[in-house]
Amino acid sequence: MTDKRSEVDYDMLQRQLRALLDGESNRLANTANFVALLFDDLPDINWLGVYVLRGDELVLGPFQGKPACVRIPLGKGVCGSAAAQATTLRVDNVHDFDGHIACDPASRSELVVPLVVAGAVLGVLDIDSPTPGRFSGLDQSGVESLCDTFVDSALENFDPGAGFI
């Protein structure tokens, strides 16, 4: 049986993302297209979206999938922990993550990448899968690179004090 994860062409996704973002300055539109592109092209995921940092909590932004938790306290769950630590968290089994917040009980693994501009965390990209251990090191580096492209292109000349979206 072929592992569909190995079929992800992150270079092609990079090119598609750059084409979507090229010439568009609206951050909401860019974020929505970023999320839609990844949700459509990454196999075996059941939710993908952005949470935006507002004060001491993350607030739901553009997403694809079932309705989700609207607010996540900074430092809580996988998303809040990734934002507080300003580091990517790849969790093979969310039920083993102390303090996991179960927005969708079908989710088993999770990849959360902080979105950082000028050293400030603006939010996180959250990807959930119903399959334990779904995300590999290759997925992590590919998604981190896509997030860098998104931040560099979609949020160029961004003032962190002005709010994300």
Protein backbone atom coordinates (compact mmCIF):
# COMPACT_ATOMS: atom_id res chain seq x y z
CA MET A 1 0.00 0.00 0.00
CA THR A 2 1.36 3.42 -0.94
CA ASP A 3 1.79 6.02 1.79
CA LYS A 4 -0.05 9.06 0.43
CA ARG A 5 2.06 11.33 2.61
CA SER A 6 5.05 10.58 0.40
CA GLU A 7 3.06 11.85 -2.59
CA VAL A 8 2.90 15.45 -1.33
CA ASP A 9 4.87 17.69 -3.69
CA TYR A 10 5.85 20.57 -1.41
CA ASP A 11 7.76 22.31 -4.22
CA MET A 12 4.59 22.38 -6.34
CA LEU A 13 2.59 23.65 -3.34
CA GLN A 14 5.18 26.43 -2.94
CA ARG A 15 4.71 27.48 -6.56
CA GLN A 16 0.92 27.36 -6.26
CA LEU A 17 0.99 29.38 -3.04
CA ARG A 18 3.23 32.06 -4.53
CA ALA A 19 0.90 32.33 -7.54
CA LEU A 20 -2.15 32.71 -5.25
CA LEU A 21 -0.49 35.41 -3.16
CA ASP A 22 1.18 37.32 -5.98
CA GLY A 23 -0.22 40.82 -6.24
CA GLU A 24 -2.93 40.39 -3.58
CA SER A 25 -2.65 42.61 -0.51
CA ASN A 26 -5.79 41.59 1.39
CA ARG A 27 -4.62 39.52 4.38
CA LEU A 28 -7.98 37.83 4.91
CA ALA A 29 -8.19 36.72 1.27
CA ASN A 30 -4.59 35.51 1.34
CA THR A 31 -5.14 33.57 4.56
CA ALA A 32 -8.33 31.96 3.23
CA ASN A 33 -6.59 30.89 0.01
CA PHE A 34 -3.57 29.58 1.93
CA VAL A 35 -5.80 27.40 4.10
CA ALA A 36 -7.92 26.19 1.16
CA LEU A 37 -4.85 25.26 -0.90
CA LEU A 38 -3.33 23.16 1.88
CA PHE A 39 -6.62 21.51 2.86
CA ASP A 40 -7.24 20.52 -0.76
CA ASP A 41 -3.74 19.14 -1.38
CA LEU A 42 -2.66 17.49 1.87
CA PRO A 43 -4.01 13.93 2.15
CA ASP A 44 -5.53 12.34 5.23
CA ILE A 45 -6.41 15.48 7.17
CA ASN A 46 -9.77 16.36 8.67
CA TRP A 47 -9.21 19.99 9.70
CA LEU A 48 -6.85 22.80 8.75
CA GLY A 49 -6.96 26.42 9.78
CA VAL A 50 -5.39 29.50 11.25
CA TYR A 51 -5.77 30.78 14.79
CA VAL A 52 -4.89 34.44 15.33
CA LEU A 53 -3.26 35.66 18.54
CA ARG A 54 -5.39 38.29 20.30
CA GLY A 55 -4.01 39.24 23.70
CA ASP A 56 -3.67 36.07 25.76
CA GLU A 57 -5.71 33.79 23.52
CA LEU A 58 -5.88 32.40 20.00
CA VAL A 59 -9.05 33.21 18.05
CA LEU A 60 -10.33 31.13 15.16
CA GLY A 61 -9.54 32.50 11.70
CA PRO A 62 -10.07 31.03 8.22
CA PHE A 63 -10.33 27.23 8.25
CA GLN A 64 -11.53 24.16 6.34
CA GLY A 65 -13.32 21.32 8.10
CA LYS A 66 -15.93 20.90 10.81
CA PRO A 67 -16.82 23.79 13.13
CA ALA A 68 -13.99 24.37 15.59
CA CYS A 69 -13.11 25.76 18.98
CA VAL A 70 -13.34 29.55 18.68
CA ARG A 71 -10.93 30.55 21.46
CA ILE A 72 -7.86 28.77 22.82
CA PRO A 73 -5.95 30.22 25.79
CA LEU A 74 -2.25 30.91 25.17
CA GLY A 75 -0.23 28.01 26.56
CA LYS A 76 -3.16 25.55 26.49
CA GLY A 77 -3.54 22.60 24.15
CA VAL A 78 -1.27 21.98 21.18
CA CYS A 79 -2.11 25.29 19.48
CA GLY A 80 -1.75 27.45 22.57
CA SER A 81 1.50 25.70 23.53
CA ALA A 82 3.01 26.14 20.05
CA ALA A 83 2.11 29.84 20.11
CA ALA A 84 3.47 30.37 23.65
CA GLN A 85 6.72 28.55 22.84
CA ALA A 86 6.99 30.04 19.32
CA THR A 87 7.89 26.59 18.05
CA THR A 88 6.35 23.95 15.82
CA LEU A 89 4.68 21.07 17.62
CA ARG A 90 4.15 17.73 15.87
CA VAL A 91 2.04 15.38 17.96
CA ASP A 92 1.68 11.75 16.88
CA ASN A 93 -1.15 11.00 19.32
CA VAL A 94 -3.09 13.96 20.66
CA HIS A 95 -4.52 11.82 23.46
CA ASP A 96 -0.98 11.59 24.89
CA PHE A 97 -0.56 15.39 24.86
CA ASP A 98 -1.18 16.76 28.35
CA GLY A 99 -3.95 19.34 28.19
CA HIS A 100 -5.03 18.55 24.61
CA ILE A 101 -8.17 20.44 23.62
CA ALA A 102 -10.43 18.14 21.61
CA CYS A 103 -12.32 20.31 19.14
CA ASP A 104 -12.98 17.28 16.91
CA PRO A 105 -12.92 13.90 18.68
CA ALA A 106 -11.96 12.22 15.37
CA SER A 107 -8.54 13.94 15.36
CA ARG A 108 -5.64 11.72 16.40
CA SER A 109 -2.52 13.60 15.31
CA GLU A 110 -1.73 17.28 14.91
CA LEU A 111 0.84 19.63 13.41
CA VAL A 112 0.91 23.25 14.60
CA VAL A 113 3.25 25.85 13.08
CA PRO A 114 3.57 29.37 14.55
CA LEU A 115 3.19 32.29 12.13
CA VAL A 116 5.92 34.76 13.10
CA VAL A 117 6.68 38.26 11.79
CA ALA A 118 9.64 40.27 13.11
CA GLY A 119 9.95 37.92 16.08
CA ALA A 120 6.28 38.30 17.06
CA VAL A 121 3.90 35.33 16.96
CA LEU A 122 0.76 36.44 15.08
CA GLY A 123 -0.98 33.10 15.23
CA VAL A 124 -0.62 29.46 14.24
CA LEU A 125 -1.46 27.15 11.38
CA ASP A 126 -3.17 24.06 12.81
CA ILE A 127 -3.53 20.79 10.87
CA ASP A 128 -5.40 17.78 12.28
CA SER A 129 -5.59 14.20 11.03
CA PRO A 130 -7.74 11.23 12.05
CA THR A 131 -4.65 9.01 11.66
CA PRO A 132 -2.15 8.60 14.52
CA GLY A 133 1.39 9.57 13.47
CA ARG A 134 0.13 11.16 10.24
CA PHE A 135 2.79 13.91 10.09
CA SER A 136 6.40 13.09 9.25
CA GLY A 137 9.51 15.22 9.54
CA LEU A 138 9.17 15.85 5.80
CA ASP A 139 5.63 17.13 6.34
CA GLN A 140 6.81 19.35 9.17
CA SER A 141 9.61 20.93 7.15
CA GLY A 142 7.37 21.27 4.08
CA VAL A 143 4.58 22.97 6.00
CA GLU A 144 7.03 25.20 7.89
CA SER A 145 8.45 26.33 4.55
CA LEU A 146 4.94 27.03 3.22
CA CYS A 147 4.20 29.06 6.36
CA ASP A 148 7.39 31.05 5.81
CA THR A 149 6.32 31.77 2.23
CA PHE A 150 2.85 32.75 3.41
CA VAL A 151 4.20 35.11 6.07
CA ASP A 152 6.85 36.61 3.78
CA SER A 153 4.49 37.13 0.83
CA ALA A 154 1.06 37.68 2.32
CA LEU A 155 2.17 39.72 5.30
CA GLU A 156 4.99 41.72 3.75
CA ASN A 157 5.34 45.19 5.32
CA PHE A 158 3.09 44.03 8.14
CA ASP A 159 2.94 45.94 11.42
CA PRO A 160 2.47 43.35 14.23
CA GLY A 161 0.72 46.00 16.34
CA ALA A 162 -1.96 46.45 13.67
CA GLY A 163 -3.52 43.01 14.04
CA PHE A 164 -3.34 40.10 11.64
CA ILE A 165 -6.82 39.74 10.13
